């Protein structure tokens, strides 16, 4: 996944919730842009969870797909 595509999804107006799918099989929901932060150069993102006080650290190159309302966006 390229960070520019990821940023575009986060800053889309109107924002549409999406799910991040990773190479290790995780599926991480992003219900609102307040639940995600891009670190430094954009290689890493932090995703917090809506229902529990924890977060996931995700290496952007290991993101395989973004799922938006049933649509899948494959990584390049």
PDB file of N, CA and C in Angstrom:
ATOM      1  N   UNK A   1       0.854  -1.173   0.000  1.00  0.00           N
ATOM      2  CA  UNK A   1       0.000   0.000   0.000  1.00  0.00           C
ATOM      3  C   UNK A   1       0.894   1.229   0.000  1.00  0.00           C
ATOM      4  N   UNK A   2       0.517   2.217  -0.758  1.00  0.00           N
ATOM      5  CA  UNK A   2       1.254   3.479  -0.771  1.00  0.00           C
ATOM      6  C   UNK A   2       0.595   4.457   0.197  1.00  0.00           C
ATOM      7  N   UNK A   3       1.424   5.203   0.909  1.00  0.00           N
ATOM      8  CA  UNK A   3       0.913   6.108   1.940  1.00  0.00           C
ATOM      9  C   UNK A   3       0.020   7.195   1.354  1.00  0.00           C
ATOM     10  N   UNK A   4       0.265   7.624   0.118  1.00  0.00           N
ATOM     11  CA  UNK A   4      -0.584   8.657  -0.483  1.00  0.00           C
ATOM     12  C   UNK A   4      -2.019   8.184  -0.637  1.00  0.00           C
ATOM     13  N   UNK A   5      -2.195   6.937  -1.025  1.00  0.00           N
ATOM     14  CA  UNK A   5      -3.546   6.384  -1.158  1.00  0.00           C
ATOM     15  C   UNK A   5      -4.205   6.271   0.218  1.00  0.00           C
ATOM     16  N   UNK A   6      -3.408   5.906   1.203  1.00  0.00           N
ATOM     17  CA  UNK A   6      -3.906   5.795   2.570  1.00  0.00           C
ATOM     18  C   UNK A   6      -4.344   7.162   3.091  1.00  0.00           C
ATOM     19  N   UNK A   7      -3.520   8.171   2.871  1.00  0.00           N
ATOM     20  CA  UNK A   7      -3.872   9.538   3.311  1.00  0.00           C
ATOM     21  C   UNK A   7      -5.158  10.021   2.642  1.00  0.00           C
ATOM     22  N   UNK A   8      -5.289   9.727   1.349  1.00  0.00           N
ATOM     23  CA  UNK A   8      -6.497  10.128   0.624  1.00  0.00           C
ATOM     24  C   UNK A   8      -7.738   9.498   1.246  1.00  0.00           C
ATOM     25  N   UNK A   9      -7.639   8.243   1.654  1.00  0.00           N
ATOM     26  CA  UNK A   9      -8.776   7.557   2.270  1.00  0.00           C
ATOM     27  C   UNK A   9      -9.102   8.178   3.629  1.00  0.00           C
ATOM     28  N   UNK A  10      -8.088   8.541   4.394  1.00  0.00           N
ATOM     29  CA  UNK A  10      -8.301   9.136   5.717  1.00  0.00           C
ATOM     30  C   UNK A  10      -8.940  10.519   5.607  1.00  0.00           C
ATOM     31  N   UNK A  11      -8.525  11.295   4.603  1.00  0.00           N
ATOM     32  CA  UNK A  11      -8.989  12.674   4.465  1.00  0.00           C
ATOM     33  C   UNK A  11     -10.145  12.835   3.477  1.00  0.00           C
ATOM     34  N   UNK A  12     -10.718  11.731   3.020  1.00  0.00           N
ATOM     35  CA  UNK A  12     -11.839  11.793   2.078  1.00  0.00           C
ATOM     36  C   UNK A  12     -13.015  12.544   2.702  1.00  0.00           C
ATOM     37  N   UNK A  13     -13.678  13.338   1.889  1.00  0.00           N
ATOM     38  CA  UNK A  13     -14.862  14.078   2.331  1.00  0.00           C
ATOM     39  C   UNK A  13     -16.018  13.691   1.427  1.00  0.00           C
ATOM     40  N   UNK A  14     -17.055  13.078   1.954  1.00  0.00           N
ATOM     41  CA  UNK A  14     -17.204  12.678   3.346  1.00  0.00           C
ATOM     42  C   UNK A  14     -16.347  11.431   3.639  1.00  0.00           C
ATOM     43  N   UNK A  15     -15.930  11.301   4.879  1.00  0.00           N
ATOM     44  CA  UNK A  15     -15.165  10.133   5.299  1.00  0.00           C
ATOM     45  C   UNK A  15     -16.054   8.906   5.245  1.00  0.00           C
ATOM     46  N   UNK A  16     -15.517   7.808   4.728  1.00  0.00           N
ATOM     47  CA  UNK A  16     -16.229   6.535   4.734  1.00  0.00           C
ATOM     48  C   UNK A  16     -15.421   5.559   5.589  1.00  0.00           C
ATOM     49  N   UNK A  17     -16.035   4.958   6.600  1.00  0.00           N
ATOM     50  CA  UNK A  17     -15.313   3.975   7.407  1.00  0.00           C
ATOM     51  C   UNK A  17     -14.720   2.883   6.518  1.00  0.00           C
ATOM     52  N   UNK A  18     -13.559   2.375   6.925  1.00  0.00           N
ATOM     53  CA  UNK A  18     -12.918   1.321   6.145  1.00  0.00           C
ATOM     54  C   UNK A  18     -12.225   0.338   7.069  1.00  0.00           C
ATOM     55  N   UNK A  19     -11.843  -0.796   6.496  1.00  0.00           N
ATOM     56  CA  UNK A  19     -11.126  -1.828   7.229  1.00  0.00           C
ATOM     57  C   UNK A  19      -9.776  -2.025   6.570  1.00  0.00           C
ATOM     58  N   UNK A  20      -8.727  -2.070   7.397  1.00  0.00           N
ATOM     59  CA  UNK A  20      -7.365  -2.318   6.934  1.00  0.00           C
ATOM     60  C   UNK A  20      -7.118  -3.828   7.031  1.00  0.00           C
ATOM     61  N   UNK A  21      -6.695  -4.431   5.930  1.00  0.00           N
ATOM     62  CA  UNK A  21      -6.333  -5.846   5.910  1.00  0.00           C
ATOM     63  C   UNK A  21      -4.819  -5.934   5.770  1.00  0.00           C
ATOM     64  N   UNK A  22      -4.185  -6.736   6.628  1.00  0.00           N
ATOM     65  CA  UNK A  22      -2.730  -6.826   6.640  1.00  0.00           C
ATOM     66  C   UNK A  22      -2.251  -8.196   6.148  1.00  0.00           C
ATOM     67  N   UNK A  23      -0.964  -8.267   5.823  1.00  0.00           N
ATOM     68  CA  UNK A  23      -0.366  -9.492   5.302  1.00  0.00           C
ATOM     69  C   UNK A  23      -0.444 -10.653   6.294  1.00  0.00           C
ATOM     70  N   UNK A  24      -0.511 -10.358   7.582  1.00  0.00           N
ATOM     71  CA  UNK A  24      -0.594 -11.430   8.579  1.00  0.00           C
ATOM     72  C   UNK A  24      -2.028 -11.855   8.877  1.00  0.00           C
ATOM     73  N   UNK A  25      -2.982 -11.348   8.096  1.00  0.00           N
ATOM     74  CA  UNK A  25      -4.371 -11.782   8.214  1.00  0.00           C
ATOM     75  C   UNK A  25      -5.244 -10.946   9.129  1.00  0.00           C
ATOM     76  N   UNK A  26      -4.710  -9.896   9.723  1.00  0.00           N
ATOM     77  CA  UNK A  26      -5.534  -9.056  10.597  1.00  0.00           C
ATOM     78  C   UNK A  26      -6.484  -8.188   9.774  1.00  0.00           C
ATOM     79  N   UNK A  27      -7.616  -7.885  10.347  1.00  0.00           N
ATOM     80  CA  UNK A  27      -8.590  -6.945   9.790  1.00  0.00           C
ATOM     81  C   UNK A  27      -8.870  -5.923  10.874  1.00  0.00           C
ATOM     82  N   UNK A  28      -8.531  -4.658  10.598  1.00  0.00           N
ATOM     83  CA  UNK A  28      -8.627  -3.620  11.621  1.00  0.00           C
ATOM     84  C   UNK A  28      -9.589  -2.534  11.131  1.00  0.00           C
ATOM     85  N   UNK A  29     -10.728  -2.369  11.799  1.00  0.00           N
ATOM     86  CA  UNK A  29     -11.690  -1.355  11.375  1.00  0.00           C
ATOM     87  C   UNK A  29     -11.231   0.057  11.741  1.00  0.00           C
ATOM     88  N   UNK A  30     -11.517   1.000  10.847  1.00  0.00           N
ATOM     89  CA  UNK A  30     -11.249   2.420  11.091  1.00  0.00           C
ATOM     90  C   UNK A  30     -12.597   3.142  10.927  1.00  0.00           C
ATOM     91  N   UNK A  31     -13.319   3.346  12.037  1.00  0.00           N
ATOM     92  CA  UNK A  31     -14.665   3.915  11.956  1.00  0.00           C
ATOM     93  C   UNK A  31     -14.708   5.423  11.733  1.00  0.00           C
ATOM     94  N   UNK A  32     -13.584   6.105  12.028  1.00  0.00           N
ATOM     95  CA  UNK A  32     -13.553   7.567  11.945  1.00  0.00           C
ATOM     96  C   UNK A  32     -12.087   7.983  11.858  1.00  0.00           C
ATOM     97  N   UNK A  33     -11.767   9.096  11.189  1.00  0.00           N
ATOM     98  CA  UNK A  33     -10.359   9.492  11.075  1.00  0.00           C
ATOM     99  C   UNK A  33      -9.686   9.781  12.418  1.00  0.00           C
ATOM    100  N   UNK A  34     -10.452  10.027  13.464  1.00  0.00           N
ATOM    101  CA  UNK A  34      -9.860  10.249  14.787  1.00  0.00           C
ATOM    102  C   UNK A  34      -9.219   8.978  15.352  1.00  0.00           C
ATOM    103  N   UNK A  35      -9.495   7.827  14.747  1.00  0.00           N
ATOM    104  CA  UNK A  35      -8.982   6.559  15.249  1.00  0.00           C
ATOM    105  C   UNK A  35      -7.686   6.130  14.575  1.00  0.00           C
ATOM    106  N   UNK A  36      -7.108   6.984  13.718  1.00  0.00           N
ATOM    107  CA  UNK A  36      -5.896   6.607  13.005  1.00  0.00           C
ATOM    108  C   UNK A  36      -4.921   7.774  12.959  1.00  0.00           C
ATOM    109  N   UNK A  37      -3.633   7.452  13.060  1.00  0.00           N
ATOM    110  CA  UNK A  37      -2.580   8.470  12.974  1.00  0.00           C
ATOM    111  C   UNK A  37      -1.438   7.915  12.131  1.00  0.00           C
ATOM    112  N   UNK A  38      -0.893   8.760  11.263  1.00  0.00           N
ATOM    113  CA  UNK A  38       0.255   8.393  10.443  1.00  0.00           C
ATOM    114  C   UNK A  38       1.493   8.937  11.132  1.00  0.00           C
ATOM    115  N   UNK A  39       2.479   8.077  11.333  1.00  0.00           N
ATOM    116  CA  UNK A  39       3.700   8.477  12.032  1.00  0.00           C
ATOM    117  C   UNK A  39       4.780   8.919  11.051  1.00  0.00           C
ATOM    118  N   UNK A  40       5.501   9.960  11.433  1.00  0.00           N
ATOM    119  CA  UNK A  40       6.705  10.410  10.734  1.00  0.00           C
ATOM    120  C   UNK A  40       6.643  10.410   9.222  1.00  0.00           C
ATOM    121  N   UNK A  41       7.447   9.558   8.604  1.00  0.00           N
ATOM    122  CA  UNK A  41       7.575   9.514   7.151  1.00  0.00           C
ATOM    123  C   UNK A  41       6.400   8.839   6.460  1.00  0.00           C
ATOM    124  N   UNK A  42       5.509   8.221   7.220  1.00  0.00           N
ATOM    125  CA  UNK A  42       4.349   7.563   6.642  1.00  0.00           C
ATOM    126  C   UNK A  42       4.517   6.071   6.468  1.00  0.00           C
ATOM    127  N   UNK A  43       5.560   5.505   7.026  1.00  0.00           N
ATOM    128  CA  UNK A  43       5.752   4.061   6.909  1.00  0.00           C
ATOM    129  C   UNK A  43       4.911   3.303   7.936  1.00  0.00           C
ATOM    130  N   UNK A  44       4.534   3.971   9.001  1.00  0.00           N
ATOM    131  CA  UNK A  44       3.804   3.328  10.094  1.00  0.00           C
ATOM    132  C   UNK A  44       2.526   4.094  10.402  1.00  0.00           C
ATOM    133  N   UNK A  45       1.448   3.358  10.686  1.00  0.00           N
ATOM    134  CA  UNK A  45       0.210   3.984  11.152  1.00  0.00           C
ATOM    135  C   UNK A  45      -0.191   3.357  12.481  1.00  0.00           C
ATOM    136  N   UNK A  46      -0.852   4.148  13.296  1.00  0.00           N
ATOM    137  CA  UNK A  46      -1.394   3.698  14.576  1.00  0.00           C
ATOM    138  C   UNK A  46      -2.910   3.736  14.467  1.00  0.00           C
ATOM    139  N   UNK A  47      -3.545   2.633  14.796  1.00  0.00           N
ATOM    140  CA  UNK A  47      -5.003   2.551  14.728  1.00  0.00           C
ATOM    141  C   UNK A  47      -5.509   2.189  16.112  1.00  0.00           C
ATOM    142  N   UNK A  48      -6.366   3.047  16.666  1.00  0.00           N
ATOM    143  CA  UNK A  48      -6.953   2.760  17.975  1.00  0.00           C
ATOM    144  C   UNK A  48      -8.299   2.081  17.774  1.00  0.00           C
ATOM    145  N   UNK A  49      -8.748   1.410  18.817  1.00  0.00           N
ATOM    146  CA  UNK A  49      -9.991   0.658  18.743  1.00  0.00           C
ATOM    147  C   UNK A  49     -11.115   1.407  19.441  1.00  0.00           C
ATOM    148  N   UNK A  50     -12.280   1.349  18.841  1.00  0.00           N
ATOM    149  CA  UNK A  50     -13.437   2.084  19.340  1.00  0.00           C
ATOM    150  C   UNK A  50     -13.931   1.539  20.683  1.00  0.00           C
ATOM    151  N   UNK A  51     -13.904   0.227  20.867  1.00  0.00           N
ATOM    152  CA  UNK A  51     -14.518  -0.385  22.035  1.00  0.00           C
ATOM    153  C   UNK A  51     -13.546  -0.769  23.147  1.00  0.00           C
ATOM    154  N   UNK A  52     -12.232  -0.635  22.914  1.00  0.00           N
ATOM    155  CA  UNK A  52     -11.283  -1.008  23.964  1.00  0.00           C
ATOM    156  C   UNK A  52     -10.093  -0.052  23.947  1.00  0.00           C
ATOM    157  N   UNK A  53      -9.484   0.153  25.093  1.00  0.00           N
ATOM    158  CA  UNK A  53      -8.385   1.123  25.198  1.00  0.00           C
ATOM    159  C   UNK A  53      -7.047   0.516  24.758  1.00  0.00           C
ATOM    160  N   UNK A  54      -6.909   0.226  23.479  1.00  0.00           N
ATOM    161  CA  UNK A  54      -5.657  -0.303  22.953  1.00  0.00           C
ATOM    162  C   UNK A  54      -5.487   0.178  21.514  1.00  0.00           C
ATOM    163  N   UNK A  55      -4.372  -0.198  20.901  1.00  0.00           N
ATOM    164  CA  UNK A  55      -4.117   0.228  19.526  1.00  0.00           C
ATOM    165  C   UNK A  55      -3.261  -0.799  18.814  1.00  0.00           C
ATOM    166  N   UNK A  56      -3.242  -0.702  17.476  1.00  0.00           N
ATOM    167  CA  UNK A  56      -2.375  -1.529  16.634  1.00  0.00           C
ATOM    168  C   UNK A  56      -1.399  -0.617  15.925  1.00  0.00           C
ATOM    169  N   UNK A  57      -0.170  -1.090  15.805  1.00  0.00           N
ATOM    170  CA  UNK A  57       0.857  -0.408  15.028  1.00  0.00           C
ATOM    171  C   UNK A  57       0.994  -1.215  13.742  1.00  0.00           C
ATOM    172  N   UNK A  58       0.815  -0.548  12.596  1.00  0.00           N
ATOM    173  CA  UNK A  58       0.807  -1.245  11.315  1.00  0.00           C
ATOM    174  C   UNK A  58       1.869  -0.666  10.401  1.00  0.00           C
ATOM    175  N   UNK A  59       2.686  -1.541   9.821  1.00  0.00           N
ATOM    176  CA  UNK A  59       3.686  -1.158   8.836  1.00  0.00           C
ATOM    177  C   UNK A  59       2.953  -1.015   7.502  1.00  0.00           C
ATOM    178  N   UNK A  60       2.904   0.175   6.947  1.00  0.00           N
ATOM    179  CA  UNK A  60       2.104   0.452   5.747  1.00  0.00           C
ATOM    180  C   UNK A  60       2.418  -0.492   4.585  1.00  0.00           C
ATOM    181  N   UNK A  61       3.689  -0.825   4.300  1.00  0.00           N
ATOM    182  CA  UNK A  61       3.937  -1.758   3.199  1.00  0.00           C
ATOM    183  C   UNK A  61       3.313  -3.147   3.403  1.00  0.00           C
ATOM    184  N   UNK A  62       2.921  -3.483   4.637  1.00  0.00           N
ATOM    185  CA  UNK A  62       2.299  -4.780   4.902  1.00  0.00           C
ATOM    186  C   UNK A  62       0.774  -4.738   4.821  1.00  0.00           C
ATOM    187  N   UNK A  63       0.224  -3.587   4.455  1.00  0.00           N
ATOM    188  CA  UNK A  63      -1.220  -3.493   4.238  1.00  0.00           C
ATOM    189  C   UNK A  63      -1.508  -4.053   2.851  1.00  0.00           C
ATOM    190  N   UNK A  64      -2.361  -5.071   2.803  1.00  0.00           N
ATOM    191  CA  UNK A  64      -2.671  -5.721   1.532  1.00  0.00           C
ATOM    192  C   UNK A  64      -3.907  -5.147   0.861  1.00  0.00           C
ATOM    193  N   UNK A  65      -4.869  -4.688   1.679  1.00  0.00           N
ATOM    194  CA  UNK A  65      -6.105  -4.150   1.111  1.00  0.00           C
ATOM    195  C   UNK A  65      -6.753  -3.173   2.076  1.00  0.00           C
ATOM    196  N   UNK A  66      -7.520  -2.244   1.503  1.00  0.00           N
ATOM    197  CA  UNK A  66      -8.425  -1.399   2.277  1.00  0.00           C
ATOM    198  C   UNK A  66      -9.824  -1.746   1.793  1.00  0.00           C
ATOM    199  N   UNK A  67     -10.706  -2.024   2.728  1.00  0.00           N
ATOM    200  CA  UNK A  67     -12.083  -2.372   2.378  1.00  0.00           C
ATOM    201  C   UNK A  67     -12.994  -1.224   2.779  1.00  0.00           C
ATOM    202  N   UNK A  68     -13.678  -0.667   1.795  1.00  0.00           N
ATOM    203  CA  UNK A  68     -14.590   0.449   2.020  1.00  0.00           C
ATOM    204  C   UNK A  68     -15.978   0.019   1.563  1.00  0.00           C
ATOM    205  N   UNK A  69     -16.881  -0.169   2.511  1.00  0.00           N
ATOM    206  CA  UNK A  69     -18.259  -0.557   2.209  1.00  0.00           C
ATOM    207  C   UNK A  69     -18.312  -1.644   1.142  1.00  0.00           C
ATOM    208  N   UNK A  70     -17.529  -2.690   1.340  1.00  0.00           N
ATOM    209  CA  UNK A  70     -17.563  -3.832   0.425  1.00  0.00           C
ATOM    210  C   UNK A  70     -16.615  -3.722  -0.755  1.00  0.00           C
ATOM    211  N   UNK A  71     -16.058  -2.538  -1.023  1.00  0.00           N
ATOM    212  CA  UNK A  71     -15.099  -2.386  -2.115  1.00  0.00           C
ATOM    213  C   UNK A  71     -13.706  -2.668  -1.583  1.00  0.00           C
ATOM    214  N   UNK A  72     -12.897  -3.364  -2.356  1.00  0.00           N
ATOM    215  CA  UNK A  72     -11.537  -3.669  -1.954  1.00  0.00           C
ATOM    216  C   UNK A  72     -10.568  -2.839  -2.789  1.00  0.00           C
ATOM    217  N   UNK A  73      -9.600  -2.229  -2.128  1.00  0.00           N
ATOM    218  CA  UNK A  73      -8.559  -1.467  -2.802  1.00  0.00           C
ATOM    219  C   UNK A  73      -7.267  -2.240  -2.583  1.00  0.00           C
ATOM    220  N   UNK A  74      -6.743  -2.873  -3.664  1.00  0.00           N
ATOM    221  CA  UNK A  74      -5.524  -3.667  -3.555  1.00  0.00           C
ATOM    222  C   UNK A  74      -4.302  -2.789  -3.487  1.00  0.00           C
ATOM    223  N   UNK A  75      -3.266  -3.298  -2.836  1.00  0.00           N
ATOM    224  CA  UNK A  75      -2.010  -2.552  -2.789  1.00  0.00           C
ATOM    225  C   UNK A  75      -1.299  -2.702  -4.120  1.00  0.00           C
ATOM    226  N   UNK A  76      -0.421  -1.745  -4.415  1.00  0.00           N
ATOM    227  CA  UNK A  76       0.369  -1.780  -5.656  1.00  0.00           C
ATOM    228  C   UNK A  76       1.585  -2.631  -5.485  1.00  0.00           C
TER     229      UNK A  76
END
